C-alpha atoms as a PDB file:
ATOM      1  CA  MET A   1      -2.896  -9.489 -23.598  1.00  0.00           C
ATOM      2  CA  LYS A   2      -0.110 -11.145 -25.692  1.00  0.00           C
ATOM      3  CA  LYS A   3       0.953 -14.685 -24.551  1.00  0.00           C
ATOM      4  CA  ILE A   4       4.113 -14.296 -22.773  1.00  0.00           C
ATOM      5  CA  LYS A   5       6.825 -17.077 -22.855  1.00  0.00           C
ATOM      6  CA  ASN A   6       8.156 -16.580 -19.275  1.00  0.00           C
ATOM      7  CA  PRO A   7       5.818 -14.548 -17.294  1.00  0.00           C
ATOM      8  CA  LEU A   8       7.822 -14.499 -13.949  1.00  0.00           C
ATOM      9  CA  LEU A   9      10.924 -13.306 -15.848  1.00  0.00           C
ATOM     10  CA  MET A  10       9.030 -10.362 -17.399  1.00  0.00           C
ATOM     11  CA  VAL A  11       7.472  -9.508 -13.923  1.00  0.00           C
ATOM     12  CA  ILE A  12      10.965  -9.674 -12.363  1.00  0.00           C
ATOM     13  CA  ALA A  13      12.407  -7.526 -15.137  1.00  0.00           C
ATOM     14  CA  ILE A  14       9.553  -4.686 -14.908  1.00  0.00           C
ATOM     15  CA  TYR A  15      10.070  -5.000 -11.065  1.00  0.00           C
ATOM     16  CA  ILE A  16      13.753  -4.272 -11.250  1.00  0.00           C
ATOM     17  CA  LEU A  17      13.188  -1.315 -13.439  1.00  0.00           C
ATOM     18  CA  CYS A  18      10.652   0.290 -11.142  1.00  0.00           C
ATOM     19  CA  PHE A  19      12.810  -0.455  -8.020  1.00  0.00           C
ATOM     20  CA  VAL A  20      15.906   1.208  -9.737  1.00  0.00           C
ATOM     21  CA  PHE A  21      14.017   4.494 -10.097  1.00  0.00           C
ATOM     22  CA  ARG A  22      12.676   4.050  -6.541  1.00  0.00           C
ATOM     23  CA  LEU A  23      16.215   3.593  -5.321  1.00  0.00           C
ATOM     24  CA  VAL A  24      17.429   6.599  -7.284  1.00  0.00           C
ATOM     25  CA  GLU A  25      14.775   8.911  -5.757  1.00  0.00           C
ATOM     26  CA  TYR A  26      15.218   7.855  -2.223  1.00  0.00           C
ATOM     27  CA  PHE A  27      19.063   7.815  -2.094  1.00  0.00           C
ATOM     28  CA  THR A  28      19.809  10.838  -4.413  1.00  0.00           C
ATOM     29  CA  MET A  29      16.943  13.058  -5.098  1.00  0.00           C
ATOM     30  CA  ARG A  30      15.269  12.446  -1.610  1.00  0.00           C
ATOM     31  CA  THR A  31      12.025  14.443  -2.690  1.00  0.00           C
ATOM     32  CA  ASP A  32      10.209  12.860   0.593  1.00  0.00           C
ATOM     33  CA  GLN A  33      12.785  14.940   2.686  1.00  0.00           C
ATOM     34  CA  THR A  34      11.937  18.161   0.772  1.00  0.00           C
ATOM     35  CA  PHE A  35       9.087  20.673   0.655  1.00  0.00           C
ATOM     36  CA  TRP A  36       7.038  17.938  -1.158  1.00  0.00           C
ATOM     37  CA  GLY A  37       7.288  15.419   1.856  1.00  0.00           C
ATOM     38  CA  GLU A  38       6.670  12.603  -0.756  1.00  0.00           C
ATOM     39  CA  ALA A  39       8.815  10.431  -3.011  1.00  0.00           C
ATOM     40  CA  PHE A  40       6.513  10.712  -5.889  1.00  0.00           C
ATOM     41  CA  LEU A  41       8.784  10.820  -9.160  1.00  0.00           C
ATOM     42  CA  HIS A  42       9.503   7.077  -9.074  1.00  0.00           C
ATOM     43  CA  LYS A  43       5.544   6.557  -9.065  1.00  0.00           C
ATOM     44  CA  LEU A  44       5.203   8.686 -12.016  1.00  0.00           C
ATOM     45  CA  MET A  45       7.765   6.438 -13.722  1.00  0.00           C
ATOM     46  CA  GLY A  46       6.183   3.549 -12.626  1.00  0.00           C
ATOM     47  CA  ILE A  47       2.836   4.631 -14.256  1.00  0.00           C
ATOM     48  CA  LEU A  48       4.826   5.400 -17.456  1.00  0.00           C
ATOM     49  CA  ILE A  49       6.471   2.046 -17.407  1.00  0.00           C
ATOM     50  CA  LEU A  50       2.892   0.367 -16.639  1.00  0.00           C
ATOM     51  CA  CYS A  51       1.481   2.159 -19.705  1.00  0.00           C
ATOM     52  CA  ASN A  52       4.394   1.088 -21.975  1.00  0.00           C
ATOM     53  CA  ALA A  53       4.273  -2.568 -20.673  1.00  0.00           C
ATOM     54  CA  LEU A  54       0.418  -2.566 -21.487  1.00  0.00           C
ATOM     55  CA  LYS A  55       1.165  -1.159 -24.977  1.00  0.00           C
ATOM     56  CA  SER A  56       3.785  -3.652 -25.747  1.00  0.00           C
ATOM     57  CA  LEU A  57       1.655  -6.484 -24.635  1.00  0.00           C
ATOM     58  CA  SER A  58      -1.246  -5.216 -26.764  1.00  0.00           C
ATOM     59  CA  SER A  59      -3.376  -4.652 -23.810  1.00  0.00           C
ATOM     60  CA  GLY A  60      -4.990  -1.615 -21.966  1.00  0.00           C
ATOM     61  CA  MET A  61      -5.778  -0.310 -18.435  1.00  0.00           C
ATOM     62  CA  GLU A  62      -9.346  -1.685 -18.366  1.00  0.00           C
ATOM     63  CA  TYR A  63      -7.997  -5.326 -18.856  1.00  0.00           C
ATOM     64  CA  ILE A  64      -5.855  -5.109 -15.717  1.00  0.00           C
ATOM     65  CA  GLY A  65      -8.678  -3.637 -13.557  1.00  0.00           C
ATOM     66  CA  PHE A  66      -9.298   0.004 -14.342  1.00  0.00           C
ATOM     67  CA  LYS A  67     -12.902  -0.896 -15.333  1.00  0.00           C
ATOM     68  CA  LYS A  68     -15.271   1.764 -16.552  1.00  0.00           C
ATOM     69  CA  ARG A  69     -18.222   0.344 -14.563  1.00  0.00           C
ATOM     70  CA  SER A  70     -18.765   0.639 -10.853  1.00  0.00           C
ATOM     71  CA  VAL A  71     -15.946   3.113 -10.381  1.00  0.00           C
ATOM     72  CA  PHE A  72     -17.498   5.367  -7.789  1.00  0.00           C
ATOM     73  CA  SER A  73     -19.382   2.642  -5.865  1.00  0.00           C
ATOM     74  CA  HIS A  74     -16.070   0.456  -5.557  1.00  0.00           C
ATOM     75  CA  LEU A  75     -14.120   3.472  -4.605  1.00  0.00           C
ATOM     76  CA  LEU A  76     -16.613   4.391  -1.930  1.00  0.00           C
ATOM     77  CA  MET A  77     -16.691   0.879  -0.657  1.00  0.00           C
ATOM     78  CA  GLY A  78     -12.911   0.945  -0.154  1.00  0.00           C
ATOM     79  CA  LEU A  79     -12.835   4.295   1.384  1.00  0.00           C
ATOM     80  CA  LEU A  80     -15.548   3.176   3.781  1.00  0.00           C
ATOM     81  CA  PHE A  81     -13.950  -0.024   4.645  1.00  0.00           C
ATOM     82  CA  GLY A  82     -10.525   1.594   5.322  1.00  0.00           C
ATOM     83  CA  LEU A  83     -12.308   4.434   7.584  1.00  0.00           C
ATOM     84  CA  VAL A  84     -14.171   1.857   9.531  1.00  0.00           C
ATOM     85  CA  MET A  85     -11.070  -0.283  10.165  1.00  0.00           C
ATOM     86  CA  PHE A  86      -9.009   2.812  11.295  1.00  0.00           C
ATOM     87  CA  ALA A  87     -11.855   4.127  13.473  1.00  0.00           C
ATOM     88  CA  LEU A  88     -11.624   1.088  15.292  1.00  0.00           C
ATOM     89  CA  ALA A  89      -7.794   1.149  15.423  1.00  0.00           C
ATOM     90  CA  TYR A  90      -7.575   4.833  16.555  1.00  0.00           C
ATOM     91  CA  GLY A  91     -10.176   3.925  19.264  1.00  0.00           C
ATOM     92  CA  VAL A  92      -8.021   1.132  20.623  1.00  0.00           C
ATOM     93  CA  GLU A  93      -4.920   3.394  20.483  1.00  0.00           C
ATOM     94  CA  ILE A  94      -6.576   6.249  22.302  1.00  0.00           C
ATOM     95  CA  MET A  95      -8.027   3.727  25.006  1.00  0.00           C
ATOM     96  CA  MET A  96      -4.435   2.510  25.645  1.00  0.00           C
ATOM     97  CA  ALA A  97      -3.163   5.943  25.961  1.00  0.00           C
ATOM     98  CA  VAL A  98      -5.905   6.828  28.307  1.00  0.00           C
ATOM     99  CA  SER A  99      -5.230   3.757  30.423  1.00  0.00           C
ATOM    100  CA  ARG A 100      -1.425   4.909  30.590  1.00  0.00           C
ATOM    101  CA  GLY A 101      -2.697   8.369  31.703  1.00  0.00           C
ATOM    102  CA  SER A 102      -0.819   9.955  28.661  1.00  0.00           C
ATOM    103  CA  PHE A 103      -3.684  10.857  26.158  1.00  0.00           C
ATOM    104  CA  ARG A 104      -4.080  14.566  25.603  1.00  0.00           C
ATOM    105  CA  THR A 105      -5.862  15.145  22.215  1.00  0.00           C
ATOM    106  CA  VAL A 106      -6.275  14.197  18.558  1.00  0.00           C
ATOM    107  CA  GLN A 107      -4.944  16.714  16.054  1.00  0.00           C
ATOM    108  CA  LEU A 108      -5.344  17.105  12.227  1.00  0.00           C
ATOM    109  CA  TYR A 109      -2.139  18.210  10.463  1.00  0.00           C
ATOM    110  CA  VAL A 110       0.117  16.868   7.640  1.00  0.00           C
ATOM    111  CA  SER A 111       3.230  14.827   8.469  1.00  0.00           C
ATOM    112  CA  SER A 112       5.799  12.704   6.769  1.00  0.00           C
ATOM    113  CA  TYR A 113       5.611   9.099   7.446  1.00  0.00           C
ATOM    114  CA  ALA A 114       8.674   7.278   8.810  1.00  0.00           C
ATOM    115  CA  VAL A 115       9.021   3.800  10.085  1.00  0.00           C
ATOM    116  CA  ASP A 116       9.894   4.933  13.527  1.00  0.00           C
ATOM    117  CA  GLY A 117       7.249   7.589  13.404  1.00  0.00           C
ATOM    118  CA  ASN A 118       5.871  10.732  11.885  1.00  0.00           C
ATOM    119  CA  ALA A 119       7.803  13.884  11.198  1.00  0.00           C
ATOM    120  CA  GLY A 120       6.612  17.530  10.671  1.00  0.00           C
ATOM    121  CA  ASN A 121       3.683  19.418  11.568  1.00  0.00           C
ATOM    122  CA  LYS A 122       2.099  21.243   8.432  1.00  0.00           C
ATOM    123  CA  THR A 123      -1.333  22.821   8.592  1.00  0.00           C
ATOM    124  CA  GLY A 124      -1.320  24.868   5.482  1.00  0.00           C
ATOM    125  CA  ILE A 125      -4.000  23.899   2.739  1.00  0.00           C
ATOM    126  CA  LEU A 126      -1.337  23.384   0.199  1.00  0.00           C
ATOM    127  CA  PHE A 127       0.292  20.460   2.275  1.00  0.00           C
ATOM    128  CA  PHE A 128      -3.072  18.728   2.602  1.00  0.00           C
ATOM    129  CA  ILE A 129      -3.535  18.900  -1.320  1.00  0.00           C
ATOM    130  CA  ILE A 130       0.111  17.547  -1.862  1.00  0.00           C
ATOM    131  CA  CYS A 131      -0.484  14.774   0.649  1.00  0.00           C
ATOM    132  CA  ILE A 132      -3.773  13.722  -0.956  1.00  0.00           C
ATOM    133  CA  LEU A 133      -2.645  13.995  -4.623  1.00  0.00           C
ATOM    134  CA  GLY A 134       0.728  12.135  -3.626  1.00  0.00           C
ATOM    135  CA  ASN A 135      -1.254   9.319  -2.292  1.00  0.00           C
ATOM    136  CA  ILE A 136      -3.619   9.142  -5.053  1.00  0.00           C
ATOM    137  CA  LEU A 137      -0.775   8.820  -7.406  1.00  0.00           C
ATOM    138  CA  ASN A 138       0.719   6.163  -5.035  1.00  0.00           C
ATOM    139  CA  VAL A 139      -2.334   3.917  -5.111  1.00  0.00           C
ATOM    140  CA  VAL A 140      -2.786   4.238  -8.904  1.00  0.00           C
ATOM    141  CA  MET A 141       0.733   3.077  -9.564  1.00  0.00           C
ATOM    142  CA  GLU A 142       1.072   0.456  -7.010  1.00  0.00           C
ATOM    143  CA  GLU A 143      -2.382  -1.076  -7.538  1.00  0.00           C
ATOM    144  CA  GLY A 144      -1.971  -0.870 -11.303  1.00  0.00           C
ATOM    145  CA  VAL A 145       1.370  -2.641 -11.168  1.00  0.00           C
ATOM    146  CA  TYR A 146       0.885  -5.137  -8.502  1.00  0.00           C
ATOM    147  CA  ARG A 147      -2.617  -6.118  -8.470  1.00  0.00           C
ATOM    148  CA  GLY A 148      -3.149  -5.345 -12.167  1.00  0.00           C
ATOM    149  CA  LEU A 149      -0.236  -5.764 -14.464  1.00  0.00           C
ATOM    150  CA  PHE A 150       1.749  -8.547 -12.451  1.00  0.00           C
ATOM    151  CA  GLN A 151      -1.224 -10.486 -11.531  1.00  0.00           C
ATOM    152  CA  LYS A 152      -2.384 -10.649 -15.107  1.00  0.00           C
ATOM    153  CA  ILE A 153       0.988 -11.606 -16.552  1.00  0.00           C
ATOM    154  CA  LEU A 154       1.554 -14.379 -13.894  1.00  0.00           C
ATOM    155  CA  GLU A 155      -1.936 -15.843 -14.352  1.00  0.00           C
ATOM    156  CA  GLN A 156      -0.888 -16.770 -17.790  1.00  0.00           C
ATOM    157  CA  LYS A 157       1.105 -19.552 -16.219  1.00  0.00           C
ATOM    158  CA  TYR A 158       0.165 -19.708 -12.718  1.00  0.00           C
ATOM    159  CA  THR A 159      -2.945 -20.021 -10.656  1.00  0.00           C
ATOM    160  CA  PHE A 160      -4.581 -16.936  -8.964  1.00  0.00           C
ATOM    161  CA  ILE A 161      -3.284 -17.901  -5.515  1.00  0.00           C
ATOM    162  CA  VAL A 162       0.244 -18.381  -6.779  1.00  0.00           C
ATOM    163  CA  SER A 163       0.110 -15.294  -8.682  1.00  0.00           C
ATOM    164  CA  MET A 164      -1.166 -13.304  -5.921  1.00  0.00           C
ATOM    165  CA  LEU A 165       1.629 -14.524  -3.274  1.00  0.00           C
ATOM    166  CA  THR A 166       4.266 -13.929  -5.907  1.00  0.00           C
ATOM    167  CA  ALA A 167       3.040 -10.225  -6.516  1.00  0.00           C
ATOM    168  CA  SER A 168       2.545  -9.694  -2.807  1.00  0.00           C
ATOM    169  CA  LEU A 169       5.969 -10.866  -1.936  1.00  0.00           C
ATOM    170  CA  LEU A 170       7.294  -8.392  -4.400  1.00  0.00           C
ATOM    171  CA  PHE A 171       5.089  -5.678  -3.064  1.00  0.00           C
ATOM    172  CA  GLY A 172       6.526  -6.628   0.506  1.00  0.00           C
ATOM    173  CA  LEU A 173       9.974  -6.247  -0.733  1.00  0.00           C
ATOM    174  CA  TRP A 174       9.192  -2.809  -2.533  1.00  0.00           C
ATOM    175  CA  HIS A 175       8.987  -1.265   0.987  1.00  0.00           C
ATOM    176  CA  VAL A 176      12.507  -2.209   2.288  1.00  0.00           C
ATOM    177  CA  VAL A 177      14.147   0.902   0.849  1.00  0.00           C
ATOM    178  CA  GLY A 178      13.193   3.218   3.661  1.00  0.00           C
ATOM    179  CA  PRO A 179      14.822   1.051   6.545  1.00  0.00           C
ATOM    180  CA  ILE A 180      17.864   0.555   4.293  1.00  0.00           C
ATOM    181  CA  ARG A 181      18.102   4.300   3.750  1.00  0.00           C
ATOM    182  CA  ASN A 182      17.804   4.890   7.609  1.00  0.00           C
ATOM    183  CA  TYR A 183      20.672   2.689   8.330  1.00  0.00           C
ATOM    184  CA  TYR A 184      22.747   4.127   5.469  1.00  0.00           C
ATOM    185  CA  ASP A 185      22.093   7.701   7.012  1.00  0.00           C
ATOM    186  CA  GLY A 186      23.017   6.433  10.385  1.00  0.00           C
ATOM    187  CA  LEU A 187      19.562   6.895  11.738  1.00  0.00           C
ATOM    188  CA  SER A 188      19.110   3.174  12.838  1.00  0.00           C
ATOM    189  CA  SER A 189      21.271   0.175  13.739  1.00  0.00           C
ATOM    190  CA  ALA A 190      21.665  -2.909  11.692  1.00  0.00           C
ATOM    191  CA  GLY A 191      19.426  -4.815  14.117  1.00  0.00           C
ATOM    192  CA  GLY A 192      16.777  -2.016  13.801  1.00  0.00           C
ATOM    193  CA  MET A 193      17.028  -2.075   9.978  1.00  0.00           C
ATOM    194  CA  ALA A 194      16.510  -5.972   9.893  1.00  0.00           C
ATOM    195  CA  ALA A 195      13.588  -5.588  12.447  1.00  0.00           C
ATOM    196  CA  ASN A 196      11.883  -2.858  10.309  1.00  0.00           C
ATOM    197  CA  ILE A 197      12.485  -4.627   7.139  1.00  0.00           C
ATOM    198  CA  MET A 198      10.759  -7.994   8.477  1.00  0.00           C
ATOM    199  CA  MET A 199       8.000  -5.840   9.775  1.00  0.00           C
ATOM    200  CA  LEU A 200       7.504  -4.059   6.437  1.00  0.00           C
ATOM    201  CA  VAL A 201       7.707  -7.007   4.340  1.00  0.00           C
ATOM    202  CA  LEU A 202       5.237  -8.967   6.391  1.00  0.00           C
ATOM    203  CA  THR A 203       2.527  -6.250   6.742  1.00  0.00           C
ATOM    204  CA  SER A 204       3.031  -5.071   3.188  1.00  0.00           C
ATOM    205  CA  GLY A 205       2.833  -8.392   1.992  1.00  0.00           C
ATOM    206  CA  LEU A 206      -0.328  -9.306   3.844  1.00  0.00           C
ATOM    207  CA  GLY A 207      -1.710  -5.898   2.645  1.00  0.00           C
ATOM    208  CA  GLY A 208      -0.846  -7.101  -0.917  1.00  0.00           C
ATOM    209  CA  VAL A 209      -2.916 -10.237  -0.390  1.00  0.00           C
ATOM    210  CA  LYS A 210      -5.826  -8.228   0.880  1.00  0.00           C
ATOM    211  CA  PHE A 211      -5.834  -5.882  -1.936  1.00  0.00           C
ATOM    212  CA  ALA A 212      -5.587  -8.805  -4.357  1.00  0.00           C
ATOM    213  CA  LEU A 213      -8.537 -10.451  -2.793  1.00  0.00           C
ATOM    214  CA  LEU A 214     -10.526  -7.258  -2.895  1.00  0.00           C
ATOM    215  CA  THR A 215      -9.774  -6.927  -6.631  1.00  0.00           C
ATOM    216  CA  ARG A 216     -10.675 -10.479  -7.238  1.00  0.00           C
ATOM    217  CA  MET A 217     -13.978 -10.137  -5.526  1.00  0.00           C
ATOM    218  CA  THR A 218     -15.115  -6.889  -7.165  1.00  0.00           C
ATOM    219  CA  GLY A 219     -13.662  -7.448 -10.540  1.00  0.00           C
ATOM    220  CA  SER A 220     -11.835  -4.155 -10.626  1.00  0.00           C
ATOM    221  CA  LEU A 221      -8.952  -2.240  -8.883  1.00  0.00           C
ATOM    222  CA  TYR A 222     -11.105   0.408  -7.238  1.00  0.00           C
ATOM    223  CA  MET A 223     -12.210  -0.932  -3.860  1.00  0.00           C
ATOM    224  CA  ALA A 224      -8.533  -2.036  -3.230  1.00  0.00           C
ATOM    225  CA  MET A 225      -7.347   1.508  -4.290  1.00  0.00           C
ATOM    226  CA  GLY A 226      -9.745   3.082  -1.963  1.00  0.00           C
ATOM    227  CA  ASP A 227      -8.770   1.006   1.037  1.00  0.00           C
ATOM    228  CA  HIS A 228      -5.060   1.474   0.126  1.00  0.00           C
ATOM    229  CA  PHE A 229      -5.626   5.348  -0.069  1.00  0.00           C
ATOM    230  CA  VAL A 230      -6.976   5.396   3.489  1.00  0.00           C
ATOM    231  CA  ASN A 231      -4.409   3.038   4.863  1.00  0.00           C
ATOM    232  CA  ASN A 232      -1.661   5.554   3.293  1.00  0.00           C
ATOM    233  CA  THR A 233      -3.238   8.898   3.877  1.00  0.00           C
ATOM    234  CA  ILE A 234      -4.826   8.779   7.427  1.00  0.00           C
ATOM    235  CA  VAL A 235      -1.416   8.116   9.093  1.00  0.00           C
ATOM    236  CA  ASN A 236      -0.125  11.290   7.706  1.00  0.00           C
ATOM    237  CA  LEU A 237      -3.220  13.442   8.540  1.00  0.00           C
ATOM    238  CA  LEU A 238      -4.736  12.197  11.855  1.00  0.00           C
ATOM    239  CA  HIS A 239      -2.492  12.223  14.787  1.00  0.00           C
ATOM    240  CA  VAL A 240      -2.902  11.003  18.564  1.00  0.00           C
ATOM    241  CA  ILE A 241      -1.115  13.485  20.725  1.00  0.00           C
ATOM    242  CA  SER A 242       0.105  12.460  24.280  1.00  0.00           C
ATOM    243  CA  PHE A 243       1.803  14.472  26.945  1.00  0.00           C
ATOM    244  CA  THR A 244       5.161  12.931  25.959  1.00  0.00           C
ATOM    245  CA  GLY A 245       4.870  13.217  21.955  1.00  0.00           C
ATOM    246  CA  ALA A 246       2.805  12.400  19.029  1.00  0.00           C
ATOM    247  CA  ASP A 247       1.573   8.842  17.616  1.00  0.00           C
ATOM    248  CA  GLU A 248       3.734   7.074  20.098  1.00  0.00           C
ATOM    249  CA  LEU A 249       1.345   4.110  19.990  1.00  0.00           C
ATOM    250  CA  MET A 250       1.061   4.361  16.077  1.00  0.00           C
ATOM    251  CA  PHE A 251       2.352   0.621  15.792  1.00  0.00           C
ATOM    252  CA  VAL A 252      -0.697  -0.383  17.804  1.00  0.00           C
ATOM    253  CA  ARG A 253      -3.040   1.495  15.526  1.00  0.00           C
ATOM    254  CA  MET A 254      -1.453  -0.141  12.285  1.00  0.00           C
ATOM    255  CA  ALA A 255      -1.418  -3.449  13.776  1.00  0.00           C
ATOM    256  CA  VAL A 256      -5.165  -3.380  14.699  1.00  0.00           C
ATOM    257  CA  ALA A 257      -6.401  -1.822  11.384  1.00  0.00           C
ATOM    258  CA  GLN A 258      -4.099  -4.125   9.129  1.00  0.00           C
ATOM    259  CA  SER A 259      -4.650  -7.520  11.038  1.00  0.00           C
ATOM    260  CA  LEU A 260      -8.429  -6.790  11.378  1.00  0.00           C
ATOM    261  CA  SER A 261      -8.989  -5.715   7.671  1.00  0.00           C
ATOM    262  CA  PHE A 262      -6.934  -8.665   6.412  1.00  0.00           C
ATOM    263  CA  LEU A 263      -8.959 -11.202   8.478  1.00  0.00           C
ATOM    264  CA  LEU A 264     -12.290  -9.829   7.541  1.00  0.00           C
ATOM    265  CA  VAL A 265     -11.388  -9.649   3.871  1.00  0.00           C
ATOM    266  CA  LEU A 266      -9.876 -13.254   4.095  1.00  0.00           C
ATOM    267  CA  LEU A 267     -12.906 -14.562   5.690  1.00  0.00           C
ATOM    268  CA  PHE A 268     -15.423 -13.022   3.573  1.00  0.00           C
ATOM    269  CA  TYR A 269     -13.512 -14.160   0.443  1.00  0.00           C
ATOM    270  CA  PHE A 270     -13.410 -18.041   1.522  1.00  0.00           C
ATOM    271  CA  ARG A 271     -16.940 -17.839   2.936  1.00  0.00           C
ATOM    272  CA  PHE A 272     -18.563 -16.137   0.065  1.00  0.00           C
ATOM    273  CA  TYR A 273     -16.475 -16.391  -2.998  1.00  0.00           C
ATOM    274  CA  GLY A 274     -13.357 -18.498  -2.597  1.00  0.00           C
ATOM    275  CA  GLY A 275     -15.431 -21.688  -1.966  1.00  0.00           C
ATOM    276  CA  ARG A 276     -17.271 -21.390  -5.206  1.00  0.00           C
ATOM    277  CA  ARG A 277     -14.032 -20.861  -7.178  1.00  0.00           C
ATOM    278  CA  GLU A 278     -12.330 -23.779  -5.521  1.00  0.00           C
ATOM    279  CA  ARG A 279     -15.297 -26.077  -6.314  1.00  0.00           C
ATOM    280  CA  ALA A 280     -15.128 -24.794  -9.890  1.00  0.00           C
ATOM    281  CA  GLY A 281     -11.431 -25.604 -10.033  1.00  0.00           C
ATOM    282  CA  GLU A 282     -10.323 -21.971 -10.685  1.00  0.00           C
ATOM    283  CA  LEU A 283      -7.845 -21.654  -7.786  1.00  0.00           C
END
């Protein structure tokens, strides 16, 4: 990768360009509110921007983490890690629903994720395919840009930790568009928008740190991609049904899965990996 005079400025410029496409799709095209149920066009643009940025920097996809080795093993590790975390989270959610006397069943169908719950109930095979492909596109773009491109650019000047925290903050801010649109559409109050923004920036930012640590430990993006894919997909497919609605305790499920997985990765990193790096002066 070419030496960059001001890495932070370049990262912010690329981020703003991607964010503009995200705003246009969410506020004008609104593809996530159509048949597709997914805002995927700006993700395609993000991948195109990623490829062009790498070309201009005389670099390639393998350099930022799309390595040719251990693709399937690292993907499988990420998928299994995410599934185990969410199995525990669903168990906690179901037990809470049972204790309240409201649990009815668990159902498999495709829904569109919203900050305040899930919407839609689609069981056709085409919708499952669209959901899966959309989330594959999502993790390729977001992991490639945030844990791949941004991390590598920032590390030209800053330490791994500083680069990770900067990219993770940007990743958290990436998720504010939904609450802002809900407020713009009159679906939430200003207070509700502010609360959702704070929640999403915090949870997404911590998720970004977790994915960055997974990438650091494995040497590729694939384990983070597998975990990220489960995190995004399972809430759209597997639903806890109560006598008064669906996914009413989804915030509990998400809190358990995200906090537990984050803590495990953080502990594992500093116990088995970070200590050696710190002693070697690489942090």
